[in-house]
Amino acid sequence: MISSSQGNDKMLINIIKTVGTYYSIAALMPNMGSALYKTFTEINLHQLIIDLIKTQPLFIQEEAILAIATGIHPFFGEVYSMPWKRGPHPAI
C-alpha cells in the first residue's frame, strides 16, 4: 500500500499525473496503447488508485480521481497531454 507523508506528497502526485499521461497517450494511439492497458490491468493499478482515493488527503484524491477517470473513459476524463482540454466534455 502506498502511504503518504509530507515529504512524499509531491512525488505521489507526480506519479499519479504520469499515470494519467500514460492513459491519455494510450487513448490517442489505441493500437500501441492496448499493451499499456493490459500491463496496468495485470498490476492491478486501478485498485491501487482507488485505494489512494479512499485513504489520502483531498489534494491527492483529486489527482487520483482525474487519473482513474482518464483510465476508465479517456474522452470524459482529464487529458494531461492536451492542455487545452480541461474538465469533462461540454455536451454533458
PDB file of N, CA and C in Angstrom:
ATOM      1  N   MET A   1       0.846  -1.191   0.000  1.00  0.00           N
ATOM      2  CA  MET A   1       0.000   0.000   0.000  1.00  0.00           C
ATOM      3  C   MET A   1       0.880   1.239   0.000  1.00  0.00           C
ATOM      4  N   ILE A   2       0.538   2.201  -0.809  1.00  0.00           N
ATOM      5  CA  ILE A   2       1.282   3.453  -0.884  1.00  0.00           C
ATOM      6  C   ILE A   2       0.803   4.349   0.241  1.00  0.00           C
ATOM      7  N   SER A   3       1.725   4.832   1.042  1.00  0.00           N
ATOM      8  CA  SER A   3       1.341   5.749   2.106  1.00  0.00           C
ATOM      9  C   SER A   3       1.886   7.133   1.793  1.00  0.00           C
ATOM     10  N   SER A   4       1.249   8.118   2.370  1.00  0.00           N
ATOM     11  CA  SER A   4       1.635   9.495   2.084  1.00  0.00           C
ATOM     12  C   SER A   4       2.122  10.163   3.355  1.00  0.00           C
ATOM     13  N   SER A   5       3.283  10.792   3.283  1.00  0.00           N
ATOM     14  CA  SER A   5       3.759  11.665   4.339  1.00  0.00           C
ATOM     15  C   SER A   5       4.055  13.002   3.683  1.00  0.00           C
ATOM     16  N   GLN A   6       4.345  13.988   4.479  1.00  0.00           N
ATOM     17  CA  GLN A   6       4.519  15.322   3.918  1.00  0.00           C
ATOM     18  C   GLN A   6       5.627  15.361   2.866  1.00  0.00           C
ATOM     19  N   GLY A   7       6.699  14.619   3.049  1.00  0.00           N
ATOM     20  CA  GLY A   7       7.797  14.622   2.104  1.00  0.00           C
ATOM     21  C   GLY A   7       7.495  13.878   0.815  1.00  0.00           C
ATOM     22  N   ASN A   8       6.564  12.947   0.860  1.00  0.00           N
ATOM     23  CA  ASN A   8       6.262  12.123  -0.309  1.00  0.00           C
ATOM     24  C   ASN A   8       5.059  12.604  -1.115  1.00  0.00           C
ATOM     25  N   ASP A   9       4.351  13.600  -0.638  1.00  0.00           N
ATOM     26  CA  ASP A   9       3.131  14.040  -1.307  1.00  0.00           C
ATOM     27  C   ASP A   9       3.381  14.504  -2.740  1.00  0.00           C
ATOM     28  N   LYS A  10       4.405  15.312  -2.948  1.00  0.00           N
ATOM     29  CA  LYS A  10       4.682  15.818  -4.297  1.00  0.00           C
ATOM     30  C   LYS A  10       5.076  14.691  -5.233  1.00  0.00           C
ATOM     31  N   MET A  11       5.864  13.738  -4.723  1.00  0.00           N
ATOM     32  CA  MET A  11       6.265  12.614  -5.559  1.00  0.00           C
ATOM     33  C   MET A  11       5.043  11.759  -5.918  1.00  0.00           C
ATOM     34  N   LEU A  12       4.165  11.549  -4.967  1.00  0.00           N
ATOM     35  CA  LEU A  12       2.958  10.764  -5.215  1.00  0.00           C
ATOM     36  C   LEU A  12       2.062  11.445  -6.249  1.00  0.00           C
ATOM     37  N   ILE A  13       1.910  12.757  -6.152  1.00  0.00           N
ATOM     38  CA  ILE A  13       1.113  13.493  -7.136  1.00  0.00           C
ATOM     39  C   ILE A  13       1.748  13.398  -8.519  1.00  0.00           C
ATOM     40  N   ASN A  14       3.060  13.493  -8.609  1.00  0.00           N
ATOM     41  CA  ASN A  14       3.727  13.376  -9.910  1.00  0.00           C
ATOM     42  C   ASN A  14       3.555  11.982 -10.498  1.00  0.00           C
ATOM     43  N   ILE A  15       3.599  10.957  -9.664  1.00  0.00           N
ATOM     44  CA  ILE A  15       3.370   9.595 -10.152  1.00  0.00           C
ATOM     45  C   ILE A  15       1.948   9.455 -10.685  1.00  0.00           C
ATOM     46  N   ILE A  16       0.981   9.992  -9.963  1.00  0.00           N
ATOM     47  CA  ILE A  16      -0.420   9.910 -10.393  1.00  0.00           C
ATOM     48  C   ILE A  16      -0.608  10.663 -11.706  1.00  0.00           C
ATOM     49  N   LYS A  17      -0.018  11.853 -11.831  1.00  0.00           N
ATOM     50  CA  LYS A  17      -0.130  12.613 -13.079  1.00  0.00           C
ATOM     51  C   LYS A  17       0.535  11.876 -14.238  1.00  0.00           C
ATOM     52  N   THR A  18       1.625  11.189 -13.962  1.00  0.00           N
ATOM     53  CA  THR A  18       2.296  10.411 -15.008  1.00  0.00           C
ATOM     54  C   THR A  18       1.411   9.272 -15.481  1.00  0.00           C
ATOM     55  N   VAL A  19       0.747   8.613 -14.546  1.00  0.00           N
ATOM     56  CA  VAL A  19      -0.198   7.549 -14.926  1.00  0.00           C
ATOM     57  C   VAL A  19      -1.309   8.129 -15.795  1.00  0.00           C
ATOM     58  N   GLY A  20      -1.837   9.306 -15.426  1.00  0.00           N
ATOM     59  CA  GLY A  20      -2.858   9.957 -16.245  1.00  0.00           C
ATOM     60  C   GLY A  20      -2.348  10.288 -17.634  1.00  0.00           C
ATOM     61  N   THR A  21      -1.095  10.712 -17.728  1.00  0.00           N
ATOM     62  CA  THR A  21      -0.495  11.000 -19.033  1.00  0.00           C
ATOM     63  C   THR A  21      -0.384   9.737 -19.874  1.00  0.00           C
ATOM     64  N   TYR A  22       0.061   8.645 -19.260  1.00  0.00           N
ATOM     65  CA  TYR A  22       0.157   7.380 -19.988  1.00  0.00           C
ATOM     66  C   TYR A  22      -1.214   6.913 -20.478  1.00  0.00           C
ATOM     67  N   TYR A  23      -2.230   7.082 -19.640  1.00  0.00           N
ATOM     68  CA  TYR A  23      -3.588   6.744 -20.073  1.00  0.00           C
ATOM     69  C   TYR A  23      -4.002   7.584 -21.278  1.00  0.00           C
ATOM     70  N   SER A  24      -3.669   8.874 -21.248  1.00  0.00           N
ATOM     71  CA  SER A  24      -4.028   9.766 -22.352  1.00  0.00           C
ATOM     72  C   SER A  24      -3.332   9.358 -23.644  1.00  0.00           C
ATOM     73  N   ILE A  25      -2.052   9.065 -23.549  1.00  0.00           N
ATOM     74  CA  ILE A  25      -1.297   8.657 -24.729  1.00  0.00           C
ATOM     75  C   ILE A  25      -1.825   7.335 -25.269  1.00  0.00           C
ATOM     76  N   ALA A  26      -2.150   6.414 -24.373  1.00  0.00           N
ATOM     77  CA  ALA A  26      -2.699   5.125 -24.801  1.00  0.00           C
ATOM     78  C   ALA A  26      -4.037   5.308 -25.502  1.00  0.00           C
ATOM     79  N   ALA A  27      -4.834   6.278 -25.057  1.00  0.00           N
ATOM     80  CA  ALA A  27      -6.124   6.524 -25.696  1.00  0.00           C
ATOM     81  C   ALA A  27      -5.949   7.145 -27.073  1.00  0.00           C
ATOM     82  N   LEU A  28      -4.887   7.946 -27.258  1.00  0.00           N
ATOM     83  CA  LEU A  28      -4.654   8.576 -28.547  1.00  0.00           C
ATOM     84  C   LEU A  28      -4.121   7.593 -29.584  1.00  0.00           C
ATOM     85  N   MET A  29      -3.423   6.561 -29.114  1.00  0.00           N
ATOM     86  CA  MET A  29      -2.859   5.546 -30.012  1.00  0.00           C
ATOM     87  C   MET A  29      -3.334   4.167 -29.563  1.00  0.00           C
ATOM     88  N   PRO A  30      -4.582   3.780 -29.873  1.00  0.00           N
ATOM     89  CA  PRO A  30      -5.151   2.550 -29.322  1.00  0.00           C
ATOM     90  C   PRO A  30      -4.376   1.286 -29.680  1.00  0.00           C
ATOM     91  N   ASN A  31      -3.802   1.218 -30.873  1.00  0.00           N
ATOM     92  CA  ASN A  31      -3.077   0.005 -31.244  1.00  0.00           C
ATOM     93  C   ASN A  31      -1.870  -0.220 -30.347  1.00  0.00           C
ATOM     94  N   MET A  32      -1.127   0.836 -30.084  1.00  0.00           N
ATOM     95  CA  MET A  32       0.040   0.714 -29.229  1.00  0.00           C
ATOM     96  C   MET A  32      -0.338   0.791 -27.752  1.00  0.00           C
ATOM     97  N   GLY A  33      -1.441   1.442 -27.445  1.00  0.00           N
ATOM     98  CA  GLY A  33      -1.845   1.622 -26.059  1.00  0.00           C
ATOM     99  C   GLY A  33      -2.473   0.408 -25.421  1.00  0.00           C
ATOM    100  N   SER A  34      -2.901  -0.569 -26.220  1.00  0.00           N
ATOM    101  CA  SER A  34      -3.541  -1.748 -25.644  1.00  0.00           C
ATOM    102  C   SER A  34      -2.579  -2.510 -24.740  1.00  0.00           C
ATOM    103  N   ALA A  35      -1.303  -2.529 -25.077  1.00  0.00           N
ATOM    104  CA  ALA A  35      -0.312  -3.198 -24.221  1.00  0.00           C
ATOM    105  C   ALA A  35      -0.182  -2.473 -22.880  1.00  0.00           C
ATOM    106  N   LEU A  36      -0.286  -1.148 -22.911  1.00  0.00           N
ATOM    107  CA  LEU A  36      -0.210  -0.377 -21.673  1.00  0.00           C
ATOM    108  C   LEU A  36      -1.400  -0.681 -20.773  1.00  0.00           C
ATOM    109  N   TYR A  37      -2.617  -0.689 -21.360  1.00  0.00           N
ATOM    110  CA  TYR A  37      -3.803  -1.018 -20.582  1.00  0.00           C
ATOM    111  C   TYR A  37      -3.692  -2.427 -20.006  1.00  0.00           C
ATOM    112  N   LYS A  38      -3.167  -3.362 -20.774  1.00  0.00           N
ATOM    113  CA  LYS A  38      -3.004  -4.737 -20.308  1.00  0.00           C
ATOM    114  C   LYS A  38      -2.044  -4.782 -19.122  1.00  0.00           C
ATOM    115  N   THR A  39      -0.933  -4.053 -19.225  1.00  0.00           N
ATOM    116  CA  THR A  39       0.034  -4.011 -18.133  1.00  0.00           C
ATOM    117  C   THR A  39      -0.579  -3.402 -16.882  1.00  0.00           C
ATOM    118  N   PHE A  40      -1.299  -2.296 -17.034  1.00  0.00           N
ATOM    119  CA  PHE A  40      -1.938  -1.657 -15.884  1.00  0.00           C
ATOM    120  C   PHE A  40      -2.958  -2.587 -15.237  1.00  0.00           C
ATOM    121  N   THR A  41      -3.658  -3.367 -16.051  1.00  0.00           N
ATOM    122  CA  THR A  41      -4.634  -4.315 -15.519  1.00  0.00           C
ATOM    123  C   THR A  41      -3.933  -5.449 -14.776  1.00  0.00           C
ATOM    124  N   GLU A  42      -2.837  -5.941 -15.341  1.00  0.00           N
ATOM    125  CA  GLU A  42      -2.102  -7.047 -14.707  1.00  0.00           C
ATOM    126  C   GLU A  42      -1.519  -6.652 -13.351  1.00  0.00           C
ATOM    127  N   ILE A  43      -1.061  -5.413 -13.227  1.00  0.00           N
ATOM    128  CA  ILE A  43      -0.505  -4.995 -11.935  1.00  0.00           C
ATOM    129  C   ILE A  43      -1.584  -4.423 -11.013  1.00  0.00           C
ATOM    130  N   ASN A  44      -2.823  -4.463 -11.448  1.00  0.00           N
ATOM    131  CA  ASN A  44      -3.978  -4.032 -10.654  1.00  0.00           C
ATOM    132  C   ASN A  44      -3.873  -2.550 -10.265  1.00  0.00           C
ATOM    133  N   LEU A  45      -3.476  -1.731 -11.224  1.00  0.00           N
ATOM    134  CA  LEU A  45      -3.273  -0.311 -10.973  1.00  0.00           C
ATOM    135  C   LEU A  45      -4.572   0.408 -10.621  1.00  0.00           C
ATOM    136  N   HIS A  46      -5.685   0.005 -11.227  1.00  0.00           N
ATOM    137  CA  HIS A  46      -6.962   0.663 -10.917  1.00  0.00           C
ATOM    138  C   HIS A  46      -7.283   0.541  -9.426  1.00  0.00           C
ATOM    139  N   GLN A  47      -7.053  -0.638  -8.849  1.00  0.00           N
ATOM    140  CA  GLN A  47      -7.339  -0.838  -7.432  1.00  0.00           C
ATOM    141  C   GLN A  47      -6.406  -0.002  -6.559  1.00  0.00           C
ATOM    142  N   LEU A  48      -5.134   0.129  -6.962  1.00  0.00           N
ATOM    143  CA  LEU A  48      -4.216   0.973  -6.205  1.00  0.00           C
ATOM    144  C   LEU A  48      -4.658   2.437  -6.207  1.00  0.00           C
ATOM    145  N   ILE A  49      -5.134   2.905  -7.360  1.00  0.00           N
ATOM    146  CA  ILE A  49      -5.610   4.294  -7.431  1.00  0.00           C
ATOM    147  C   ILE A  49      -6.869   4.471  -6.589  1.00  0.00           C
ATOM    148  N   ILE A  50      -7.753   3.492  -6.598  1.00  0.00           N
ATOM    149  CA  ILE A  50      -8.967   3.564  -5.773  1.00  0.00           C
ATOM    150  C   ILE A  50      -8.597   3.575  -4.291  1.00  0.00           C
ATOM    151  N   ASP A  51      -7.595   2.792  -3.904  1.00  0.00           N
ATOM    152  CA  ASP A  51      -7.125   2.818  -2.515  1.00  0.00           C
ATOM    153  C   ASP A  51      -6.573   4.191  -2.143  1.00  0.00           C
ATOM    154  N   LEU A  52      -5.893   4.848  -3.082  1.00  0.00           N
ATOM    155  CA  LEU A  52      -5.412   6.210  -2.820  1.00  0.00           C
ATOM    156  C   LEU A  52      -6.581   7.160  -2.588  1.00  0.00           C
ATOM    157  N   ILE A  53      -7.626   7.007  -3.383  1.00  0.00           N
ATOM    158  CA  ILE A  53      -8.797   7.876  -3.240  1.00  0.00           C
ATOM    159  C   ILE A  53      -9.430   7.690  -1.863  1.00  0.00           C
ATOM    160  N   LYS A  54      -9.399   6.477  -1.355  1.00  0.00           N
ATOM    161  CA  LYS A  54     -10.016   6.190  -0.057  1.00  0.00           C
ATOM    162  C   LYS A  54      -9.177   6.673   1.121  1.00  0.00           C
ATOM    163  N   THR A  55      -7.853   6.718   0.960  1.00  0.00           N
ATOM    164  CA  THR A  55      -7.008   6.909   2.143  1.00  0.00           C
ATOM    165  C   THR A  55      -6.191   8.194   2.171  1.00  0.00           C
ATOM    166  N   GLN A  56      -6.056   8.910   1.083  1.00  0.00           N
ATOM    167  CA  GLN A  56      -5.143  10.047   1.033  1.00  0.00           C
ATOM    168  C   GLN A  56      -5.875  11.370   1.263  1.00  0.00           C
ATOM    169  N   PRO A  57      -5.103  12.437   1.519  1.00  0.00           N
ATOM    170  CA  PRO A  57      -5.711  13.770   1.670  1.00  0.00           C
ATOM    171  C   PRO A  57      -6.391  14.232   0.382  1.00  0.00           C
ATOM    172  N   LEU A  58      -7.210  15.243   0.511  1.00  0.00           N
ATOM    173  CA  LEU A  58      -8.053  15.704  -0.593  1.00  0.00           C
ATOM    174  C   LEU A  58      -7.257  16.088  -1.838  1.00  0.00           C
ATOM    175  N   PHE A  59      -6.141  16.786  -1.699  1.00  0.00           N
ATOM    176  CA  PHE A  59      -5.394  17.230  -2.889  1.00  0.00           C
ATOM    177  C   PHE A  59      -4.813  16.045  -3.654  1.00  0.00           C
ATOM    178  N   ILE A  60      -4.508  14.949  -2.985  1.00  0.00           N
ATOM    179  CA  ILE A  60      -4.052  13.742  -3.681  1.00  0.00           C
ATOM    180  C   ILE A  60      -5.248  12.995  -4.260  1.00  0.00           C
ATOM    181  N   GLN A  61      -6.362  12.994  -3.550  1.00  0.00           N
ATOM    182  CA  GLN A  61      -7.583  12.362  -4.060  1.00  0.00           C
ATOM    183  C   GLN A  61      -8.020  12.980  -5.374  1.00  0.00           C
ATOM    184  N   GLU A  62      -7.940  14.309  -5.480  1.00  0.00           N
ATOM    185  CA  GLU A  62      -8.363  14.988  -6.712  1.00  0.00           C
ATOM    186  C   GLU A  62      -7.544  14.518  -7.910  1.00  0.00           C
ATOM    187  N   GLU A  63      -6.237  14.420  -7.746  1.00  0.00           N
ATOM    188  CA  GLU A  63      -5.386  13.958  -8.844  1.00  0.00           C
ATOM    189  C   GLU A  63      -5.651  12.497  -9.166  1.00  0.00           C
ATOM    190  N   ALA A  64      -5.877  11.680  -8.145  1.00  0.00           N
ATOM    191  CA  ALA A  64      -6.150  10.262  -8.362  1.00  0.00           C
ATOM    192  C   ALA A  64      -7.475  10.072  -9.100  1.00  0.00           C
ATOM    193  N   ILE A  65      -8.469  10.892  -8.782  1.00  0.00           N
ATOM    194  CA  ILE A  65      -9.766  10.806  -9.473  1.00  0.00           C
ATOM    195  C   ILE A  65      -9.605  11.168 -10.943  1.00  0.00           C
ATOM    196  N   LEU A  66      -8.815  12.191 -11.247  1.00  0.00           N
ATOM    197  CA  LEU A  66      -8.586  12.557 -12.650  1.00  0.00           C
ATOM    198  C   LEU A  66      -7.878  11.435 -13.405  1.00  0.00           C
ATOM    199  N   ALA A  67      -6.900  10.808 -12.759  1.00  0.00           N
ATOM    200  CA  ALA A  67      -6.165   9.719 -13.415  1.00  0.00           C
ATOM    201  C   ALA A  67      -7.075   8.516 -13.655  1.00  0.00           C
ATOM    202  N   ILE A  68      -7.886   8.140 -12.678  1.00  0.00           N
ATOM    203  CA  ILE A  68      -8.755   6.977 -12.849  1.00  0.00           C
ATOM    204  C   ILE A  68      -9.860   7.288 -13.860  1.00  0.00           C
ATOM    205  N   ALA A  69     -10.327   8.535 -13.903  1.00  0.00           N
ATOM    206  CA  ALA A  69     -11.338   8.907 -14.896  1.00  0.00           C
ATOM    207  C   ALA A  69     -10.785   8.783 -16.308  1.00  0.00           C
ATOM    208  N   THR A  70      -9.528   9.168 -16.482  1.00  0.00           N
ATOM    209  CA  THR A  70      -8.893   9.035 -17.782  1.00  0.00           C
ATOM    210  C   THR A  70      -8.728   7.576 -18.152  1.00  0.00           C
ATOM    211  N   GLY A  71      -8.400   6.744 -17.175  1.00  0.00           N
ATOM    212  CA  GLY A  71      -8.236   5.321 -17.440  1.00  0.00           C
ATOM    213  C   GLY A  71      -9.537   4.615 -17.755  1.00  0.00           C
ATOM    214  N   ILE A  72     -10.611   5.031 -17.094  1.00  0.00           N
ATOM    215  CA  ILE A  72     -11.906   4.384 -17.314  1.00  0.00           C
ATOM    216  C   ILE A  72     -12.496   4.816 -18.647  1.00  0.00           C
ATOM    217  N   HIS A  73     -12.474   6.112 -18.914  1.00  0.00           N
ATOM    218  CA  HIS A  73     -13.027   6.623 -20.166  1.00  0.00           C
ATOM    219  C   HIS A  73     -12.244   7.856 -20.567  1.00  0.00           C
ATOM    220  N   PRO A  74     -11.233   7.700 -21.424  1.00  0.00           N
ATOM    221  CA  PRO A  74     -10.338   8.821 -21.742  1.00  0.00           C
ATOM    222  C   PRO A  74     -11.037  10.054 -22.299  1.00  0.00           C
ATOM    223  N   PHE A  75     -12.172   9.883 -22.958  1.00  0.00           N
ATOM    224  CA  PHE A  75     -12.847  11.014 -23.574  1.00  0.00           C
ATOM    225  C   PHE A  75     -13.394  11.979 -22.532  1.00  0.00           C
ATOM    226  N   PHE A  76     -13.893  11.446 -21.412  1.00  0.00           N
ATOM    227  CA  PHE A  76     -14.524  12.292 -20.404  1.00  0.00           C
ATOM    228  C   PHE A  76     -13.596  12.639 -19.250  1.00  0.00           C
ATOM    229  N   GLY A  77     -12.457  11.956 -19.128  1.00  0.00           N
ATOM    230  CA  GLY A  77     -11.519  12.273 -18.063  1.00  0.00           C
ATOM    231  C   GLY A  77     -10.623  13.438 -18.436  1.00  0.00           C
ATOM    232  N   GLU A  78      -9.898  13.939 -17.482  1.00  0.00           N
ATOM    233  CA  GLU A  78      -8.909  14.985 -17.737  1.00  0.00           C
ATOM    234  C   GLU A  78      -7.800  14.393 -18.593  1.00  0.00           C
ATOM    235  N   VAL A  79      -7.430  15.059 -19.651  1.00  0.00           N
ATOM    236  CA  VAL A  79      -6.388  14.559 -20.544  1.00  0.00           C
ATOM    237  C   VAL A  79      -5.156  15.433 -20.337  1.00  0.00           C
ATOM    238  N   TYR A  80      -4.146  14.898 -19.653  1.00  0.00           N
ATOM    239  CA  TYR A  80      -2.972  15.689 -19.307  1.00  0.00           C
ATOM    240  C   TYR A  80      -2.151  16.064 -20.529  1.00  0.00           C
ATOM    241  N   SER A  81      -2.202  15.265 -21.593  1.00  0.00           N
ATOM    242  CA  SER A  81      -1.374  15.560 -22.758  1.00  0.00           C
ATOM    243  C   SER A  81      -1.982  16.648 -23.642  1.00  0.00           C
ATOM    244  N   MET A  82      -3.182  17.090 -23.350  1.00  0.00           N
ATOM    245  CA  MET A  82      -3.830  18.141 -24.129  1.00  0.00           C
ATOM    246  C   MET A  82      -4.204  19.285 -23.191  1.00  0.00           C
ATOM    247  N   PRO A  83      -3.345  20.279 -23.049  1.00  0.00           N
ATOM    248  CA  PRO A  83      -3.595  21.331 -22.057  1.00  0.00           C
ATOM    249  C   PRO A  83      -4.836  22.177 -22.344  1.00  0.00           C
ATOM    250  N   TRP A  84      -5.313  22.202 -23.576  1.00  0.00           N
ATOM    251  CA  TRP A  84      -6.500  22.997 -23.887  1.00  0.00           C
ATOM    252  C   TRP A  84      -7.777  22.286 -23.460  1.00  0.00           C
ATOM    253  N   LYS A  85      -7.698  21.009 -23.067  1.00  0.00           N
ATOM    254  CA  LYS A  85      -8.891  20.270 -22.616  1.00  0.00           C
ATOM    255  C   LYS A  85      -8.857  20.220 -21.093  1.00  0.00           C
ATOM    256  N   ARG A  86      -9.743  20.949 -20.473  1.00  0.00           N
ATOM    257  CA  ARG A  86      -9.801  20.992 -19.012  1.00  0.00           C
ATOM    258  C   ARG A  86     -11.196  20.620 -18.543  1.00  0.00           C
ATOM    259  N   GLY A  87     -11.341  19.431 -18.009  1.00  0.00           N
ATOM    260  CA  GLY A  87     -12.610  19.017 -17.444  1.00  0.00           C
ATOM    261  C   GLY A  87     -13.409  18.149 -18.409  1.00  0.00           C
ATOM    262  N   PRO A  88     -14.653  17.872 -18.035  1.00  0.00           N
ATOM    263  CA  PRO A  88     -15.470  16.962 -18.834  1.00  0.00           C
ATOM    264  C   PRO A  88     -15.910  17.577 -20.168  1.00  0.00           C
ATOM    265  N   HIS A  89     -16.399  16.739 -21.005  1.00  0.00           N
ATOM    266  CA  HIS A  89     -16.881  17.153 -22.320  1.00  0.00           C
ATOM    267  C   HIS A  89     -18.019  18.157 -22.166  1.00  0.00           C
ATOM    268  N   PRO A  90     -18.040  19.244 -22.941  1.00  0.00           N
ATOM    269  CA  PRO A  90     -19.050  20.289 -22.756  1.00  0.00           C
ATOM    270  C   PRO A  90     -20.483  19.822 -23.036  1.00  0.00           C
ATOM    271  N   ALA A  91     -20.668  18.710 -23.708  1.00  0.00           N
ATOM    272  CA  ALA A  91     -22.029  18.251 -24.030  1.00  0.00           C
ATOM    273  C   ALA A  91     -22.704  17.572 -22.834  1.00  0.00           C
ATOM    274  N   ILE A  92     -21.960  17.327 -21.771  1.00  0.00           N
ATOM    275  CA  ILE A  92     -22.552  16.636 -20.601  1.00  0.00           C
ATOM    276  C   ILE A  92     -23.392  17.600 -19.813  1.00  0.00           C
TER     277      ILE A  92
END
